[in-house]
C-alpha atoms as a PDB file:
ATOM      1  CA  MET A   1       0.000   0.000   0.000  1.00  0.00           C
ATOM      2  CA  PHE A   2       2.552   2.553   1.119  1.00  0.00           C
ATOM      3  CA  SER A   3       5.936   2.302  -0.494  1.00  0.00           C
ATOM      4  CA  ASN A   4       9.076   3.026   1.404  1.00  0.00           C
ATOM      5  CA  VAL A   5      10.285   6.223  -0.316  1.00  0.00           C
ATOM      6  CA  PHE A   6      13.652   6.100   1.449  1.00  0.00           C
ATOM      7  CA  LEU A   7      14.670   3.079  -0.598  1.00  0.00           C
ATOM      8  CA  LEU A   8      13.954   4.671  -3.953  1.00  0.00           C
ATOM      9  CA  ASP A   9      16.787   5.737  -6.148  1.00  0.00           C
ATOM     10  CA  LYS A  10      17.427   9.453  -6.436  1.00  0.00           C
ATOM     11  CA  ASP A  11      16.782   9.551 -10.179  1.00  0.00           C
ATOM     12  CA  PRO A  12      12.995   9.521 -10.864  1.00  0.00           C
ATOM     13  CA  LYS A  13      13.614   8.708 -14.542  1.00  0.00           C
ATOM     14  CA  PHE A  14      15.329   5.446 -13.514  1.00  0.00           C
ATOM     15  CA  SER A  15      12.911   4.051 -10.903  1.00  0.00           C
ATOM     16  CA  THR A  16       9.300   4.383  -9.869  1.00  0.00           C
ATOM     17  CA  SER A  17       7.554   3.963  -6.537  1.00  0.00           C
ATOM     18  CA  HIS A  18       6.616   0.347  -7.349  1.00  0.00           C
ATOM     19  CA  ASP A  19       9.932  -0.977  -8.676  1.00  0.00           C
ATOM     20  CA  ILE A  20      10.826  -2.423  -5.283  1.00  0.00           C
ATOM     21  CA  LYS A  21       7.504  -4.252  -4.984  1.00  0.00           C
ATOM     22  CA  ALA A  22       7.871  -5.660  -8.500  1.00  0.00           C
ATOM     23  CA  ALA A  23      11.390  -6.827  -7.674  1.00  0.00           C
ATOM     24  CA  GLU A  24      10.133  -8.514  -4.484  1.00  0.00           C
ATOM     25  CA  VAL A  25       7.375 -10.328  -6.390  1.00  0.00           C
ATOM     26  CA  ILE A  26       9.861 -11.547  -8.999  1.00  0.00           C
ATOM     27  CA  ALA A  27      12.318 -12.593  -6.273  1.00  0.00           C
ATOM     28  CA  TYR A  28       9.648 -14.547  -4.360  1.00  0.00           C
ATOM     29  CA  ASP A  29       8.579 -16.240  -7.586  1.00  0.00           C
ATOM     30  CA  LEU A  30      12.175 -17.294  -8.330  1.00  0.00           C
ATOM     31  CA  VAL A  31      12.722 -18.554  -4.775  1.00  0.00           C
ATOM     32  CA  THR A  32       9.478 -20.541  -4.922  1.00  0.00           C
ATOM     33  CA  LYS A  33      10.520 -22.184  -8.198  1.00  0.00           C
ATOM     34  CA  PHE A  34      13.970 -22.953  -6.770  1.00  0.00           C
ATOM     35  CA  TYR A  35      12.549 -24.607  -3.646  1.00  0.00           C
ATOM     36  CA  ALA A  36      10.012 -26.573  -5.679  1.00  0.00           C
ATOM     37  CA  THR A  37      12.812 -27.913  -7.886  1.00  0.00           C
ATOM     38  CA  GLU A  38      14.975 -28.802  -4.887  1.00  0.00           C
ATOM     39  CA  LEU A  39      12.042 -30.536  -3.202  1.00  0.00           C
ATOM     40  CA  LEU A  40      11.407 -32.580  -6.342  1.00  0.00           C
ATOM     41  CA  ILE A  41      15.077 -33.603  -6.455  1.00  0.00           C
ATOM     42  CA  LEU A  42      14.970 -34.659  -2.794  1.00  0.00           C
ATOM     43  CA  LYS A  43      11.834 -36.735  -3.376  1.00  0.00           C
ATOM     44  CA  GLN A  44      13.459 -38.473  -6.352  1.00  0.00           C
ATOM     45  CA  GLU A  45      16.559 -39.244  -4.282  1.00  0.00           C
ATOM     46  CA  ASP A  46      14.338 -40.647  -1.537  1.00  0.00           C
ATOM     47  CA  LYS A  47      12.628 -43.004  -4.004  1.00  0.00           C
ATOM     48  CA  ASN A  48      15.941 -44.219  -5.394  1.00  0.00           C
ATOM     49  CA  ARG A  49      17.519 -44.753  -1.987  1.00  0.00           C
ATOM     50  CA  LYS A  50      17.691 -48.383  -0.997  1.00  0.00           C
ATOM     51  CA  VAL A  51      18.130 -49.414   2.583  1.00  0.00           C
ATOM     52  CA  LYS A  52      20.243 -52.460   3.137  1.00  0.00           C
ATOM     53  CA  GLU A  53      19.031 -54.611   5.980  1.00  0.00           C
ATOM     54  CA  VAL A  54      21.876 -55.637   8.239  1.00  0.00           C
ATOM     55  CA  LYS A  55      21.634 -58.312  10.892  1.00  0.00           C
ATOM     56  CA  PRO A  56      23.679 -57.897  14.025  1.00  0.00           C
ATOM     57  CA  PRO A  57      26.718 -60.214  13.995  1.00  0.00           C
ATOM     58  CA  ILE A  58      25.436 -62.092  17.034  1.00  0.00           C
ATOM     59  CA  LEU A  59      22.524 -63.451  14.972  1.00  0.00           C
ATOM     60  CA  GLU A  60      24.671 -64.721  12.118  1.00  0.00           C
ATOM     61  CA  ASP A  61      25.475 -68.228  13.364  1.00  0.00           C
ATOM     62  CA  LEU A  62      22.457 -69.152  15.506  1.00  0.00           C
ATOM     63  CA  GLN A  63      20.775 -72.317  14.319  1.00  0.00           C
ATOM     64  CA  TRP A  64      17.889 -74.289  15.757  1.00  0.00           C
ATOM     65  CA  THR A  65      18.983 -77.922  15.894  1.00  0.00           C
ATOM     66  CA  GLY A  66      15.777 -79.381  17.266  1.00  0.00           C
ATOM     67  CA  THR A  67      12.684 -80.181  15.278  1.00  0.00           C
ATOM     68  CA  LYS A  68      10.144 -77.601  14.203  1.00  0.00           C
ATOM     69  CA  THR A  69       7.585 -79.297  16.438  1.00  0.00           C
ATOM     70  CA  GLU A  70       9.845 -78.847  19.473  1.00  0.00           C
ATOM     71  CA  LEU A  71      10.244 -75.146  18.768  1.00  0.00           C
ATOM     72  CA  THR A  72       6.495 -74.770  18.266  1.00  0.00           C
ATOM     73  CA  GLU A  73       5.814 -76.497  21.602  1.00  0.00           C
ATOM     74  CA  LEU A  74       8.441 -74.325  23.291  1.00  0.00           C
ATOM     75  CA  LEU A  75       6.783 -71.158  21.990  1.00  0.00           C
ATOM     76  CA  TYR A  76       3.361 -72.311  23.151  1.00  0.00           C
ATOM     77  CA  GLY A  77       4.840 -73.262  26.525  1.00  0.00           C
ATOM     78  CA  LEU A  78       6.514 -69.887  26.997  1.00  0.00           C
ATOM     79  CA  ASN A  79       3.301 -68.133  26.086  1.00  0.00           C
ATOM     80  CA  ALA A  80       1.170 -70.353  28.351  1.00  0.00           C
ATOM     81  CA  ALA A  81       3.560 -69.820  31.270  1.00  0.00           C
ATOM     82  CA  GLY A  82       3.196 -66.064  30.855  1.00  0.00           C
ATOM     83  CA  ALA A  83       6.901 -65.625  30.191  1.00  0.00           C
ATOM     84  CA  ILE A  84       6.373 -63.334  27.204  1.00  0.00           C
ATOM     85  CA  ARG A  85       4.077 -60.296  27.650  1.00  0.00           C
ATOM     86  CA  ASN A  86       2.298 -62.062  30.519  1.00  0.00           C
ATOM     87  CA  GLY A  87       1.031 -64.746  28.169  1.00  0.00           C
ATOM     88  CA  GLU A  88      -0.645 -62.258  25.837  1.00  0.00           C
ATOM     89  CA  ALA A  89       1.913 -62.382  23.036  1.00  0.00           C
ATOM     90  CA  GLU A  90       0.609 -63.185  19.582  1.00  0.00           C
ATOM     91  CA  MET A  91       1.891 -66.493  18.290  1.00  0.00           C
ATOM     92  CA  LYS A  92       2.397 -64.976  14.834  1.00  0.00           C
ATOM     93  CA  LYS A  93       4.868 -62.482  16.295  1.00  0.00           C
ATOM     94  CA  LEU A  94       6.726 -65.198  18.164  1.00  0.00           C
ATOM     95  CA  VAL A  95       6.970 -67.240  14.966  1.00  0.00           C
ATOM     96  CA  LEU A  96       8.335 -64.218  13.080  1.00  0.00           C
ATOM     97  CA  VAL A  97      10.943 -63.660  15.790  1.00  0.00           C
ATOM     98  CA  CYS A  98      12.053 -67.292  15.587  1.00  0.00           C
ATOM     99  CA  LYS A  99      12.109 -67.121  11.804  1.00  0.00           C
ATOM    100  CA  GLU A 100      14.423 -64.100  11.966  1.00  0.00           C
ATOM    101  CA  LEU A 101      16.496 -65.460  14.846  1.00  0.00           C
ATOM    102  CA  PHE A 102      17.075 -68.977  13.563  1.00  0.00           C
ATOM    103  CA  ASN A 103      16.402 -68.475   9.838  1.00  0.00           C
ATOM    104  CA  LEU A 104      13.767 -71.178  10.093  1.00  0.00           C
ATOM    105  CA  ASP A 105      10.242 -71.204   8.688  1.00  0.00           C
ATOM    106  CA  LEU A 106       7.920 -72.991  11.110  1.00  0.00           C
ATOM    107  CA  GLY A 107       5.076 -73.197   8.625  1.00  0.00           C
ATOM    108  CA  ASN A 108       1.567 -73.566  10.065  1.00  0.00           C
ATOM    109  CA  ILE A 109       2.242 -73.687  13.793  1.00  0.00           C
ATOM    110  CA  TYR A 110      -1.429 -74.132  14.656  1.00  0.00           C
ATOM    111  CA  LYS A 111      -1.602 -77.375  12.686  1.00  0.00           C
ATOM    112  CA  THR A 112       1.742 -78.526  14.118  1.00  0.00           C
ATOM    113  CA  TYR A 113       0.588 -77.884  17.668  1.00  0.00           C
ATOM    114  CA  SER A 114      -2.731 -79.663  17.255  1.00  0.00           C
END
């Protein structure tokens, strides 16, 4: 609305009262385009970034040497005894932990247990 007359150049033939506002609008437009381009580049880098899953070294050589049935019964026993989450642990989660820990697929544990 009111332009800052102190910032105007001394020569009225060279600048007008709205040159500064026009320059600000152009500058904001250029900054907006720059940030939009940088944001697009960051999103593309995020899509192309691959995360490599690394197991801790302590889990590398663990192997279950018993049968799958024994491990299934052990999991049910631990859950029934309330040793894991006071007996409220989901069997699916326990199976996934054992699969990751021992690199062993237990299959259908419900059928194995019954």
